[in-house]
């Protein structure tokens, strides 16, 4: 088991889809279909797997409502909220980098 905090953070949020999912959930609770529309390039399999990983790591909460058809919503946990400033920094870096490359 690694004691490197950078490695741990990268394992938790390092994939492009996890970062984009966390960023989209930062604005509030979303249903599966909403997330799929917000990330049209992600495959169904990848979206399901990334959400499952984020729930298992405690960054995202999955709420299933006992309705027919079942309604499932995802939201950030308190730990997931802590990732938002990191993502804001990534956005700022990306904007600065793109402006310098124009």
PDB file of N, CA and C in Angstrom:
ATOM      1  N   UNK A   1       0.849  -1.190   0.000  1.00  0.00           N
ATOM      2  CA  UNK A   1       0.000   0.000   0.000  1.00  0.00           C
ATOM      3  C   UNK A   1       0.885   1.240   0.000  1.00  0.00           C
ATOM      4  N   UNK A   2       0.594   2.150  -0.893  1.00  0.00           N
ATOM      5  CA  UNK A   2       1.390   3.356  -1.027  1.00  0.00           C
ATOM      6  C   UNK A   2       1.014   4.390   0.036  1.00  0.00           C
ATOM      7  N   UNK A   3       2.022   5.092   0.522  1.00  0.00           N
ATOM      8  CA  UNK A   3       1.766   6.182   1.463  1.00  0.00           C
ATOM      9  C   UNK A   3       1.882   7.537   0.773  1.00  0.00           C
ATOM     10  N   UNK A   4       1.989   7.516  -0.549  1.00  0.00           N
ATOM     11  CA  UNK A   4       2.127   8.755  -1.318  1.00  0.00           C
ATOM     12  C   UNK A   4       0.747   9.384  -1.531  1.00  0.00           C
ATOM     13  N   UNK A   5       0.528  10.607  -1.018  1.00  0.00           N
ATOM     14  CA  UNK A   5      -0.792  11.233  -1.157  1.00  0.00           C
ATOM     15  C   UNK A   5      -1.150  11.569  -2.604  1.00  0.00           C
ATOM     16  N   UNK A   6      -0.150  11.861  -3.427  1.00  0.00           N
ATOM     17  CA  UNK A   6      -0.436  12.162  -4.839  1.00  0.00           C
ATOM     18  C   UNK A   6      -0.959  10.904  -5.537  1.00  0.00           C
ATOM     19  N   UNK A   7      -0.310   9.782  -5.269  1.00  0.00           N
ATOM     20  CA  UNK A   7      -0.748   8.516  -5.867  1.00  0.00           C
ATOM     21  C   UNK A   7      -2.169   8.180  -5.408  1.00  0.00           C
ATOM     22  N   UNK A   8      -2.462   8.383  -4.131  1.00  0.00           N
ATOM     23  CA  UNK A   8      -3.798   8.103  -3.604  1.00  0.00           C
ATOM     24  C   UNK A   8      -4.842   8.986  -4.289  1.00  0.00           C
ATOM     25  N   UNK A   9      -4.552  10.276  -4.403  1.00  0.00           N
ATOM     26  CA  UNK A   9      -5.487  11.200  -5.052  1.00  0.00           C
ATOM     27  C   UNK A   9      -5.706  10.818  -6.514  1.00  0.00           C
ATOM     28  N   UNK A  10      -4.630  10.458  -7.198  1.00  0.00           N
ATOM     29  CA  UNK A  10      -4.757  10.070  -8.603  1.00  0.00           C
ATOM     30  C   UNK A  10      -5.582   8.786  -8.739  1.00  0.00           C
ATOM     31  N   UNK A  11      -5.415   7.859  -7.820  1.00  0.00           N
ATOM     32  CA  UNK A  11      -6.218   6.635  -7.858  1.00  0.00           C
ATOM     33  C   UNK A  11      -7.700   6.933  -7.647  1.00  0.00           C
ATOM     34  N   UNK A  12      -7.996   7.928  -6.821  1.00  0.00           N
ATOM     35  CA  UNK A  12      -9.388   8.268  -6.525  1.00  0.00           C
ATOM     36  C   UNK A  12     -10.050   9.073  -7.635  1.00  0.00           C
ATOM     37  N   UNK A  13      -9.354  10.075  -8.180  1.00  0.00           N
ATOM     38  CA  UNK A  13     -10.007  11.000  -9.122  1.00  0.00           C
ATOM     39  C   UNK A  13      -9.248  11.181 -10.426  1.00  0.00           C
ATOM     40  N   UNK A  14      -8.206  10.385 -10.645  1.00  0.00           N
ATOM     41  CA  UNK A  14      -7.291  10.632 -11.754  1.00  0.00           C
ATOM     42  C   UNK A  14      -7.790  10.381 -13.164  1.00  0.00           C
ATOM     43  N   UNK A  15      -8.855   9.619 -13.339  1.00  0.00           N
ATOM     44  CA  UNK A  15      -9.297   9.378 -14.712  1.00  0.00           C
ATOM     45  C   UNK A  15     -10.077  10.583 -15.235  1.00  0.00           C
ATOM     46  N   UNK A  16     -10.048  10.764 -16.550  1.00  0.00           N
ATOM     47  CA  UNK A  16     -10.751  11.924 -17.108  1.00  0.00           C
ATOM     48  C   UNK A  16     -12.247  11.846 -16.832  1.00  0.00           C
ATOM     49  N   UNK A  17     -12.806  10.635 -16.839  1.00  0.00           N
ATOM     50  CA  UNK A  17     -14.238  10.533 -16.611  1.00  0.00           C
ATOM     51  C   UNK A  17     -14.601  10.817 -15.165  1.00  0.00           C
ATOM     52  N   UNK A  18     -13.780  10.365 -14.228  1.00  0.00           N
ATOM     53  CA  UNK A  18     -14.072  10.643 -12.819  1.00  0.00           C
ATOM     54  C   UNK A  18     -14.021  12.137 -12.550  1.00  0.00           C
ATOM     55  N   UNK A  19     -13.033  12.819 -13.098  1.00  0.00           N
ATOM     56  CA  UNK A  19     -12.942  14.271 -12.902  1.00  0.00           C
ATOM     57  C   UNK A  19     -14.170  14.964 -13.476  1.00  0.00           C
ATOM     58  N   UNK A  20     -14.585  14.555 -14.675  1.00  0.00           N
ATOM     59  CA  UNK A  20     -15.746  15.183 -15.298  1.00  0.00           C
ATOM     60  C   UNK A  20     -17.036  14.858 -14.543  1.00  0.00           C
ATOM     61  N   UNK A  21     -17.150  13.643 -14.044  1.00  0.00           N
ATOM     62  CA  UNK A  21     -18.329  13.294 -13.241  1.00  0.00           C
ATOM     63  C   UNK A  21     -18.376  14.109 -11.961  1.00  0.00           C
ATOM     64  N   UNK A  22     -17.253  14.204 -11.271  1.00  0.00           N
ATOM     65  CA  UNK A  22     -17.214  14.997 -10.036  1.00  0.00           C
ATOM     66  C   UNK A  22     -17.541  16.462 -10.318  1.00  0.00           C
ATOM     67  N   UNK A  23     -16.997  16.984 -11.400  1.00  0.00           N
ATOM     68  CA  UNK A  23     -17.266  18.379 -11.754  1.00  0.00           C
ATOM     69  C   UNK A  23     -18.762  18.590 -12.010  1.00  0.00           C
ATOM     70  N   UNK A  24     -19.385  17.681 -12.745  1.00  0.00           N
ATOM     71  CA  UNK A  24     -20.815  17.811 -13.031  1.00  0.00           C
ATOM     72  C   UNK A  24     -21.667  17.629 -11.786  1.00  0.00           C
ATOM     73  N   UNK A  25     -21.260  16.749 -10.889  1.00  0.00           N
ATOM     74  CA  UNK A  25     -22.007  16.560  -9.648  1.00  0.00           C
ATOM     75  C   UNK A  25     -21.782  17.707  -8.668  1.00  0.00           C
ATOM     76  N   UNK A  26     -20.759  18.519  -8.909  1.00  0.00           N
ATOM     77  CA  UNK A  26     -20.493  19.669  -8.053  1.00  0.00           C
ATOM     78  C   UNK A  26     -21.612  20.687  -8.075  1.00  0.00           C
ATOM     79  N   UNK A  27     -22.399  20.694  -9.136  1.00  0.00           N
ATOM     80  CA  UNK A  27     -23.513  21.651  -9.218  1.00  0.00           C
ATOM     81  C   UNK A  27     -24.803  21.084  -8.649  1.00  0.00           C
ATOM     82  N   UNK A  28     -24.754  19.848  -8.133  1.00  0.00           N
ATOM     83  CA  UNK A  28     -25.939  19.284  -7.494  1.00  0.00           C
ATOM     84  C   UNK A  28     -26.237  17.869  -7.938  1.00  0.00           C
ATOM     85  N   UNK A  29     -27.221  17.295  -7.280  1.00  0.00           N
ATOM     86  CA  UNK A  29     -27.660  15.912  -7.509  1.00  0.00           C
ATOM     87  C   UNK A  29     -28.070  15.722  -8.969  1.00  0.00           C
ATOM     88  N   UNK A  30     -27.663  14.583  -9.532  1.00  0.00           N
ATOM     89  CA  UNK A  30     -27.988  14.293 -10.933  1.00  0.00           C
ATOM     90  C   UNK A  30     -28.462  12.848 -11.062  1.00  0.00           C
ATOM     91  N   UNK A  31     -29.362  12.635 -12.003  1.00  0.00           N
ATOM     92  CA  UNK A  31     -29.793  11.286 -12.349  1.00  0.00           C
ATOM     93  C   UNK A  31     -28.836  10.718 -13.392  1.00  0.00           C
ATOM     94  N   UNK A  32     -28.857   9.401 -13.526  1.00  0.00           N
ATOM     95  CA  UNK A  32     -27.969   8.714 -14.470  1.00  0.00           C
ATOM     96  C   UNK A  32     -28.115   9.302 -15.880  1.00  0.00           C
ATOM     97  N   UNK A  33     -29.347   9.467 -16.337  1.00  0.00           N
ATOM     98  CA  UNK A  33     -29.597   9.991 -17.681  1.00  0.00           C
ATOM     99  C   UNK A  33     -29.031  11.388 -17.883  1.00  0.00           C
ATOM    100  N   UNK A  34     -29.100  12.212 -16.847  1.00  0.00           N
ATOM    101  CA  UNK A  34     -28.528  13.561 -16.932  1.00  0.00           C
ATOM    102  C   UNK A  34     -27.024  13.491 -17.128  1.00  0.00           C
ATOM    103  N   UNK A  35     -26.369  12.615 -16.357  1.00  0.00           N
ATOM    104  CA  UNK A  35     -24.918  12.468 -16.480  1.00  0.00           C
ATOM    105  C   UNK A  35     -24.548  11.962 -17.868  1.00  0.00           C
ATOM    106  N   UNK A  36     -25.336  11.046 -18.400  1.00  0.00           N
ATOM    107  CA  UNK A  36     -25.072  10.518 -19.747  1.00  0.00           C
ATOM    108  C   UNK A  36     -25.193  11.633 -20.783  1.00  0.00           C
ATOM    109  N   UNK A  37     -26.182  12.504 -20.633  1.00  0.00           N
ATOM    110  CA  UNK A  37     -26.349  13.633 -21.571  1.00  0.00           C
ATOM    111  C   UNK A  37     -25.219  14.643 -21.443  1.00  0.00           C
ATOM    112  N   UNK A  38     -24.739  14.858 -20.217  1.00  0.00           N
ATOM    113  CA  UNK A  38     -23.660  15.816 -19.992  1.00  0.00           C
ATOM    114  C   UNK A  38     -22.321  15.303 -20.519  1.00  0.00           C
ATOM    115  N   UNK A  39     -22.175  13.983 -20.611  1.00  0.00           N
ATOM    116  CA  UNK A  39     -20.933  13.362 -21.089  1.00  0.00           C
ATOM    117  C   UNK A  39     -21.270  12.422 -22.247  1.00  0.00           C
ATOM    118  N   UNK A  40     -21.634  12.972 -23.392  1.00  0.00           N
ATOM    119  CA  UNK A  40     -22.107  12.122 -24.494  1.00  0.00           C
ATOM    120  C   UNK A  40     -21.046  11.168 -25.051  1.00  0.00           C
ATOM    121  N   UNK A  41     -19.772  11.433 -24.827  1.00  0.00           N
ATOM    122  CA  UNK A  41     -18.716  10.572 -25.368  1.00  0.00           C
ATOM    123  C   UNK A  41     -18.418   9.353 -24.506  1.00  0.00           C
ATOM    124  N   UNK A  42     -18.963   9.296 -23.302  1.00  0.00           N
ATOM    125  CA  UNK A  42     -18.686   8.162 -22.416  1.00  0.00           C
ATOM    126  C   UNK A  42     -19.604   6.988 -22.781  1.00  0.00           C
ATOM    127  N   UNK A  43     -19.044   5.790 -22.765  1.00  0.00           N
ATOM    128  CA  UNK A  43     -19.861   4.608 -23.045  1.00  0.00           C
ATOM    129  C   UNK A  43     -20.688   4.261 -21.806  1.00  0.00           C
ATOM    130  N   UNK A  44     -21.766   3.521 -22.016  1.00  0.00           N
ATOM    131  CA  UNK A  44     -22.611   3.085 -20.903  1.00  0.00           C
ATOM    132  C   UNK A  44     -21.783   2.298 -19.894  1.00  0.00           C
ATOM    133  N   UNK A  45     -20.977   1.375 -20.399  1.00  0.00           N
ATOM    134  CA  UNK A  45     -20.161   0.528 -19.534  1.00  0.00           C
ATOM    135  C   UNK A  45     -19.205   1.361 -18.682  1.00  0.00           C
ATOM    136  N   UNK A  46     -18.546   2.342 -19.303  1.00  0.00           N
ATOM    137  CA  UNK A  46     -17.593   3.184 -18.577  1.00  0.00           C
ATOM    138  C   UNK A  46     -18.307   4.061 -17.556  1.00  0.00           C
ATOM    139  N   UNK A  47     -19.450   4.617 -17.918  1.00  0.00           N
ATOM    140  CA  UNK A  47     -20.197   5.460 -16.982  1.00  0.00           C
ATOM    141  C   UNK A  47     -20.616   4.647 -15.754  1.00  0.00           C
ATOM    142  N   UNK A  48     -21.133   3.461 -15.986  1.00  0.00           N
ATOM    143  CA  UNK A  48     -21.539   2.604 -14.867  1.00  0.00           C
ATOM    144  C   UNK A  48     -20.337   2.273 -13.987  1.00  0.00           C
ATOM    145  N   UNK A  49     -19.205   1.911 -14.607  1.00  0.00           N
ATOM    146  CA  UNK A  49     -18.022   1.524 -13.838  1.00  0.00           C
ATOM    147  C   UNK A  49     -17.450   2.696 -13.042  1.00  0.00           C
ATOM    148  N   UNK A  50     -17.361   3.863 -13.661  1.00  0.00           N
ATOM    149  CA  UNK A  50     -16.792   5.027 -12.978  1.00  0.00           C
ATOM    150  C   UNK A  50     -17.687   5.467 -11.820  1.00  0.00           C
ATOM    151  N   UNK A  51     -19.010   5.442 -12.020  1.00  0.00           N
ATOM    152  CA  UNK A  51     -19.921   5.783 -10.923  1.00  0.00           C
ATOM    153  C   UNK A  51     -19.791   4.770  -9.790  1.00  0.00           C
ATOM    154  N   UNK A  52     -19.691   3.493 -10.143  1.00  0.00           N
ATOM    155  CA  UNK A  52     -19.526   2.442  -9.129  1.00  0.00           C
ATOM    156  C   UNK A  52     -18.241   2.673  -8.332  1.00  0.00           C
ATOM    157  N   UNK A  53     -17.150   3.012  -9.014  1.00  0.00           N
ATOM    158  CA  UNK A  53     -15.872   3.281  -8.337  1.00  0.00           C
ATOM    159  C   UNK A  53     -15.974   4.487  -7.412  1.00  0.00           C
ATOM    160  N   UNK A  54     -16.623   5.559  -7.885  1.00  0.00           N
ATOM    161  CA  UNK A  54     -16.752   6.772  -7.080  1.00  0.00           C
ATOM    162  C   UNK A  54     -17.621   6.529  -5.849  1.00  0.00           C
ATOM    163  N   UNK A  55     -18.653   5.713  -5.994  1.00  0.00           N
ATOM    164  CA  UNK A  55     -19.498   5.362  -4.846  1.00  0.00           C
ATOM    165  C   UNK A  55     -18.687   4.514  -3.866  1.00  0.00           C
ATOM    166  N   UNK A  56     -17.958   3.525  -4.384  1.00  0.00           N
ATOM    167  CA  UNK A  56     -17.168   2.634  -3.521  1.00  0.00           C
ATOM    168  C   UNK A  56     -16.085   3.393  -2.764  1.00  0.00           C
ATOM    169  N   UNK A  57     -15.535   4.438  -3.374  1.00  0.00           N
ATOM    170  CA  UNK A  57     -14.478   5.213  -2.719  1.00  0.00           C
ATOM    171  C   UNK A  57     -15.030   6.241  -1.735  1.00  0.00           C
ATOM    172  N   UNK A  58     -16.348   6.401  -1.702  1.00  0.00           N
ATOM    173  CA  UNK A  58     -16.961   7.323  -0.753  1.00  0.00           C
ATOM    174  C   UNK A  58     -16.992   8.765  -1.216  1.00  0.00           C
ATOM    175  N   UNK A  59     -16.733   9.003  -2.500  1.00  0.00           N
ATOM    176  CA  UNK A  59     -16.776  10.368  -3.027  1.00  0.00           C
ATOM    177  C   UNK A  59     -18.161  10.744  -3.546  1.00  0.00           C
ATOM    178  N   UNK A  60     -18.933   9.745  -3.919  1.00  0.00           N
ATOM    179  CA  UNK A  60     -20.268   9.967  -4.482  1.00  0.00           C
ATOM    180  C   UNK A  60     -21.266   9.094  -3.730  1.00  0.00           C
ATOM    181  N   UNK A  61     -22.445   9.652  -3.507  1.00  0.00           N
ATOM    182  CA  UNK A  61     -23.542   8.930  -2.877  1.00  0.00           C
ATOM    183  C   UNK A  61     -24.538   8.532  -3.951  1.00  0.00           C
ATOM    184  N   UNK A  62     -24.989   7.301  -3.890  1.00  0.00           N
ATOM    185  CA  UNK A  62     -26.011   6.799  -4.815  1.00  0.00           C
ATOM    186  C   UNK A  62     -27.292   6.585  -4.023  1.00  0.00           C
ATOM    187  N   UNK A  63     -28.352   7.230  -4.453  1.00  0.00           N
ATOM    188  CA  UNK A  63     -29.644   7.091  -3.775  1.00  0.00           C
ATOM    189  C   UNK A  63     -30.641   6.447  -4.749  1.00  0.00           C
ATOM    190  N   UNK A  64     -31.170   5.307  -4.342  1.00  0.00           N
ATOM    191  CA  UNK A  64     -32.167   4.596  -5.138  1.00  0.00           C
ATOM    192  C   UNK A  64     -33.519   4.781  -4.472  1.00  0.00           C
ATOM    193  N   UNK A  65     -34.464   5.311  -5.232  1.00  0.00           N
ATOM    194  CA  UNK A  65     -35.814   5.541  -4.702  1.00  0.00           C
ATOM    195  C   UNK A  65     -36.688   4.335  -5.029  1.00  0.00           C
ATOM    196  N   UNK A  66     -37.498   3.900  -4.067  1.00  0.00           N
ATOM    197  CA  UNK A  66     -38.340   2.720  -4.284  1.00  0.00           C
ATOM    198  C   UNK A  66     -39.575   3.062  -5.129  1.00  0.00           C
ATOM    199  N   UNK A  67     -39.337   3.308  -6.393  1.00  0.00           N
ATOM    200  CA  UNK A  67     -40.410   3.661  -7.322  1.00  0.00           C
ATOM    201  C   UNK A  67     -40.353   2.696  -8.492  1.00  0.00           C
ATOM    202  N   UNK A  68     -41.415   2.689  -9.281  1.00  0.00           N
ATOM    203  CA  UNK A  68     -41.414   1.908 -10.509  1.00  0.00           C
ATOM    204  C   UNK A  68     -41.718   2.871 -11.638  1.00  0.00           C
ATOM    205  N   UNK A  69     -40.810   3.053 -12.597  1.00  0.00           N
ATOM    206  CA  UNK A  69     -39.469   2.456 -12.638  1.00  0.00           C
ATOM    207  C   UNK A  69     -38.570   3.085 -11.575  1.00  0.00           C
ATOM    208  N   UNK A  70     -37.522   2.365 -11.161  1.00  0.00           N
ATOM    209  CA  UNK A  70     -36.639   2.893 -10.109  1.00  0.00           C
ATOM    210  C   UNK A  70     -35.964   4.191 -10.549  1.00  0.00           C
ATOM    211  N   UNK A  71     -35.860   5.102  -9.605  1.00  0.00           N
ATOM    212  CA  UNK A  71     -35.165   6.373  -9.854  1.00  0.00           C
ATOM    213  C   UNK A  71     -33.877   6.324  -9.049  1.00  0.00           C
ATOM    214  N   UNK A  72     -32.754   6.633  -9.726  1.00  0.00           N
ATOM    215  CA  UNK A  72     -31.440   6.629  -9.084  1.00  0.00           C
ATOM    216  C   UNK A  72     -30.829   8.010  -9.260  1.00  0.00           C
ATOM    217  N   UNK A  73     -30.332   8.567  -8.161  1.00  0.00           N
ATOM    218  CA  UNK A  73     -29.671   9.876  -8.205  1.00  0.00           C
ATOM    219  C   UNK A  73     -28.299   9.775  -7.561  1.00  0.00           C
ATOM    220  N   UNK A  74     -27.385  10.570  -8.073  1.00  0.00           N
ATOM    221  CA  UNK A  74     -26.016  10.614  -7.572  1.00  0.00           C
ATOM    222  C   UNK A  74     -25.718  12.019  -7.081  1.00  0.00           C
ATOM    223  N   UNK A  75     -24.953  12.104  -5.993  1.00  0.00           N
ATOM    224  CA  UNK A  75     -24.532  13.404  -5.460  1.00  0.00           C
ATOM    225  C   UNK A  75     -23.173  13.233  -4.790  1.00  0.00           C
ATOM    226  N   UNK A  76     -22.499  14.353  -4.590  1.00  0.00           N
ATOM    227  CA  UNK A  76     -21.205  14.313  -3.923  1.00  0.00           C
ATOM    228  C   UNK A  76     -21.386  14.130  -2.424  1.00  0.00           C
ATOM    229  N   UNK A  77     -20.514  13.350  -1.835  1.00  0.00           N
ATOM    230  CA  UNK A  77     -20.455  13.244  -0.383  1.00  0.00           C
ATOM    231  C   UNK A  77     -19.585  14.405   0.123  1.00  0.00           C
ATOM    232  N   UNK A  78     -19.424  14.500   1.424  1.00  0.00           N
ATOM    233  CA  UNK A  78     -18.531  15.526   1.993  1.00  0.00           C
ATOM    234  C   UNK A  78     -17.107  15.329   1.461  1.00  0.00           C
ATOM    235  N   UNK A  79     -16.665  14.072   1.351  1.00  0.00           N
ATOM    236  CA  UNK A  79     -15.328  13.813   0.790  1.00  0.00           C
ATOM    237  C   UNK A  79     -15.261  14.210  -0.672  1.00  0.00           C
ATOM    238  N   UNK A  80     -16.336  13.951  -1.411  1.00  0.00           N
ATOM    239  CA  UNK A  80     -16.382  14.354  -2.816  1.00  0.00           C
ATOM    240  C   UNK A  80     -16.326  15.864  -2.980  1.00  0.00           C
ATOM    241  N   UNK A  81     -16.968  16.583  -2.065  1.00  0.00           N
ATOM    242  CA  UNK A  81     -16.931  18.057  -2.096  1.00  0.00           C
ATOM    243  C   UNK A  81     -15.504  18.572  -1.951  1.00  0.00           C
ATOM    244  N   UNK A  82     -14.681  17.840  -1.203  1.00  0.00           N
ATOM    245  CA  UNK A  82     -13.290  18.257  -1.007  1.00  0.00           C
ATOM    246  C   UNK A  82     -12.485  18.205  -2.302  1.00  0.00           C
ATOM    247  N   UNK A  83     -12.944  17.449  -3.283  1.00  0.00           N
ATOM    248  CA  UNK A  83     -12.239  17.360  -4.563  1.00  0.00           C
ATOM    249  C   UNK A  83     -12.517  18.569  -5.458  1.00  0.00           C
ATOM    250  N   UNK A  84     -13.566  19.324  -5.182  1.00  0.00           N
ATOM    251  CA  UNK A  84     -13.947  20.435  -6.068  1.00  0.00           C
ATOM    252  C   UNK A  84     -12.873  21.513  -6.205  1.00  0.00           C
ATOM    253  N   UNK A  85     -12.212  21.946  -5.120  1.00  0.00           N
ATOM    254  CA  UNK A  85     -11.142  22.940  -5.311  1.00  0.00           C
ATOM    255  C   UNK A  85      -9.996  22.405  -6.180  1.00  0.00           C
ATOM    256  N   UNK A  86      -9.728  21.122  -6.087  1.00  0.00           N
ATOM    257  CA  UNK A  86      -8.693  20.517  -6.944  1.00  0.00           C
ATOM    258  C   UNK A  86      -9.125  20.622  -8.403  1.00  0.00           C
ATOM    259  N   UNK A  87     -10.389  20.297  -8.664  1.00  0.00           N
ATOM    260  CA  UNK A  87     -10.901  20.376 -10.030  1.00  0.00           C
ATOM    261  C   UNK A  87     -10.925  21.817 -10.528  1.00  0.00           C
ATOM    262  N   UNK A  88     -11.239  22.765  -9.651  1.00  0.00           N
ATOM    263  CA  UNK A  88     -11.191  24.179 -10.034  1.00  0.00           C
ATOM    264  C   UNK A  88      -9.778  24.569 -10.455  1.00  0.00           C
ATOM    265  N   UNK A  89      -8.781  24.055  -9.752  1.00  0.00           N
ATOM    266  CA  UNK A  89      -7.388  24.333 -10.109  1.00  0.00           C
ATOM    267  C   UNK A  89      -7.028  23.708 -11.448  1.00  0.00           C
ATOM    268  N   UNK A  90      -7.548  22.520 -11.725  1.00  0.00           N
ATOM    269  CA  UNK A  90      -7.300  21.870 -13.016  1.00  0.00           C
ATOM    270  C   UNK A  90      -7.934  22.694 -14.133  1.00  0.00           C
ATOM    271  N   UNK A  91      -9.140  23.191 -13.906  1.00  0.00           N
ATOM    272  CA  UNK A  91      -9.815  24.043 -14.893  1.00  0.00           C
ATOM    273  C   UNK A  91      -8.992  25.313 -15.148  1.00  0.00           C
ATOM    274  N   UNK A  92      -8.536  25.953 -14.079  1.00  0.00           N
ATOM    275  CA  UNK A  92      -7.738  27.178 -14.225  1.00  0.00           C
ATOM    276  C   UNK A  92      -6.453  26.887 -15.003  1.00  0.00           C
ATOM    277  N   UNK A  93      -5.792  25.789 -14.681  1.00  0.00           N
ATOM    278  CA  UNK A  93      -4.579  25.405 -15.406  1.00  0.00           C
ATOM    279  C   UNK A  93      -4.893  25.171 -16.887  1.00  0.00           C
ATOM    280  N   UNK A  94      -5.976  24.443 -17.161  1.00  0.00           N
ATOM    281  CA  UNK A  94      -6.356  24.168 -18.543  1.00  0.00           C
ATOM    282  C   UNK A  94      -6.650  25.441 -19.324  1.00  0.00           C
ATOM    283  N   UNK A  95      -7.368  26.378 -18.695  1.00  0.00           N
ATOM    284  CA  UNK A  95      -7.668  27.650 -19.365  1.00  0.00           C
ATOM    285  C   UNK A  95      -6.395  28.435 -19.658  1.00  0.00           C
ATOM    286  N   UNK A  96      -5.500  28.527 -18.681  1.00  0.00           N
ATOM    287  CA  UNK A  96      -4.241  29.250 -18.868  1.00  0.00           C
ATOM    288  C   UNK A  96      -3.407  28.603 -19.955  1.00  0.00           C
ATOM    289  N   UNK A  97      -3.336  27.282 -19.942  1.00  0.00           N
ATOM    290  CA  UNK A  97      -2.550  26.559 -20.928  1.00  0.00           C
ATOM    291  C   UNK A  97      -3.104  26.775 -22.336  1.00  0.00           C
ATOM    292  N   UNK A  98      -4.424  26.694 -22.483  1.00  0.00           N
ATOM    293  CA  UNK A  98      -5.031  26.866 -23.805  1.00  0.00           C
ATOM    294  C   UNK A  98      -4.839  28.292 -24.318  1.00  0.00           C
ATOM    295  N   UNK A  99      -4.883  29.283 -23.436  1.00  0.00           N
ATOM    296  CA  UNK A  99      -4.675  30.668 -23.861  1.00  0.00           C
ATOM    297  C   UNK A  99      -3.238  30.883 -24.334  1.00  0.00           C
ATOM    298  N   UNK A 100      -2.298  30.256 -23.692  1.00  0.00           N
ATOM    299  CA  UNK A 100      -0.896  30.390 -24.085  1.00  0.00           C
ATOM    300  C   UNK A 100      -0.548  29.646 -25.359  1.00  0.00           C
ATOM    301  N   UNK A 101      -1.370  28.688 -25.758  1.00  0.00           N
ATOM    302  CA  UNK A 101      -1.108  27.864 -26.940  1.00  0.00           C
ATOM    303  C   UNK A 101      -1.835  28.379 -28.173  1.00  0.00           C
ATOM    304  N   UNK A 102      -2.624  29.426 -28.036  1.00  0.00           N
ATOM    305  CA  UNK A 102      -3.422  29.926 -29.175  1.00  0.00           C
ATOM    306  C   UNK A 102      -2.577  30.507 -30.253  1.00  0.00           C
TER     307      UNK A 102
END
